[in-house]
């Protein structure tokens, strides 16, 4: 359990990663993603992550 806790990023680490991702997208695309685009991407990632843990994904 301790290993899991140590390997799970903190909220601050997640925020730092998000900022780095925004900076990379801004550099690649020439503009920052809109809040709406970020929300859509976040929802997609959550659905994909949930699908990996659903019983149907294992079948």
Protein backbone atom coordinates (compact mmCIF):
# COMPACT_ATOMS: atom_id res chain seq x y z
CA UNK A 1 0.00 0.00 0.00
CA UNK A 2 2.86 2.33 0.81
CA UNK A 3 4.39 1.80 -2.65
CA UNK A 4 1.08 2.74 -4.27
CA UNK A 5 0.79 5.88 -2.17
CA UNK A 6 4.32 6.93 -3.06
CA UNK A 7 3.83 6.27 -6.77
CA UNK A 8 0.54 8.19 -7.00
CA UNK A 9 1.10 11.82 -8.05
CA UNK A 10 -0.03 14.57 -5.71
CA UNK A 11 -2.54 17.24 -6.76
CA UNK A 12 0.37 19.67 -7.16
CA UNK A 13 2.17 17.19 -9.44
CA UNK A 14 -1.00 16.74 -11.52
CA UNK A 15 -1.34 20.52 -11.81
CA UNK A 16 2.30 20.83 -12.88
CA UNK A 17 1.84 18.13 -15.51
CA UNK A 18 -1.28 19.85 -16.82
CA UNK A 19 0.57 23.15 -17.13
CA UNK A 20 3.41 21.47 -19.01
CA UNK A 21 0.92 19.81 -21.35
CA UNK A 22 -0.79 23.19 -22.00
CA UNK A 23 2.59 24.74 -22.78
CA UNK A 24 3.45 21.94 -25.21
CA UNK A 25 0.07 22.23 -26.93
CA UNK A 26 0.45 25.98 -27.18
CA UNK A 27 3.89 25.54 -28.72
CA UNK A 28 2.69 22.90 -31.19
CA UNK A 29 -0.64 24.49 -32.11
CA UNK A 30 0.21 28.15 -31.77
CA UNK A 31 -2.53 28.73 -29.19
CA UNK A 32 -3.65 27.30 -25.89
CA UNK A 33 -6.58 24.88 -25.80
CA UNK A 34 -9.85 26.44 -24.70
CA UNK A 35 -11.40 25.47 -21.37
CA UNK A 36 -14.09 23.64 -23.36
CA UNK A 37 -11.46 21.62 -25.27
CA UNK A 38 -9.71 20.76 -22.01
CA UNK A 39 -13.00 19.61 -20.48
CA UNK A 40 -13.77 17.41 -23.50
CA UNK A 41 -10.29 15.88 -23.39
CA UNK A 42 -10.55 15.27 -19.64
CA UNK A 43 -13.97 13.60 -20.07
CA UNK A 44 -12.61 11.37 -22.84
CA UNK A 45 -9.63 10.32 -20.75
CA UNK A 46 -11.91 9.55 -17.80
CA UNK A 47 -14.18 7.44 -20.02
CA UNK A 48 -11.19 5.59 -21.44
CA UNK A 49 -9.76 5.01 -18.00
CA UNK A 50 -13.12 3.77 -16.74
CA UNK A 51 -13.43 1.46 -19.73
CA UNK A 52 -10.13 -0.18 -18.84
CA UNK A 53 -11.58 -1.11 -15.44
CA UNK A 54 -15.03 -2.24 -16.58
CA UNK A 55 -15.91 -5.94 -16.73
CA UNK A 56 -16.57 -5.73 -20.48
CA UNK A 57 -13.02 -4.46 -21.13
CA UNK A 58 -11.61 -7.66 -19.65
CA UNK A 59 -13.73 -9.92 -21.88
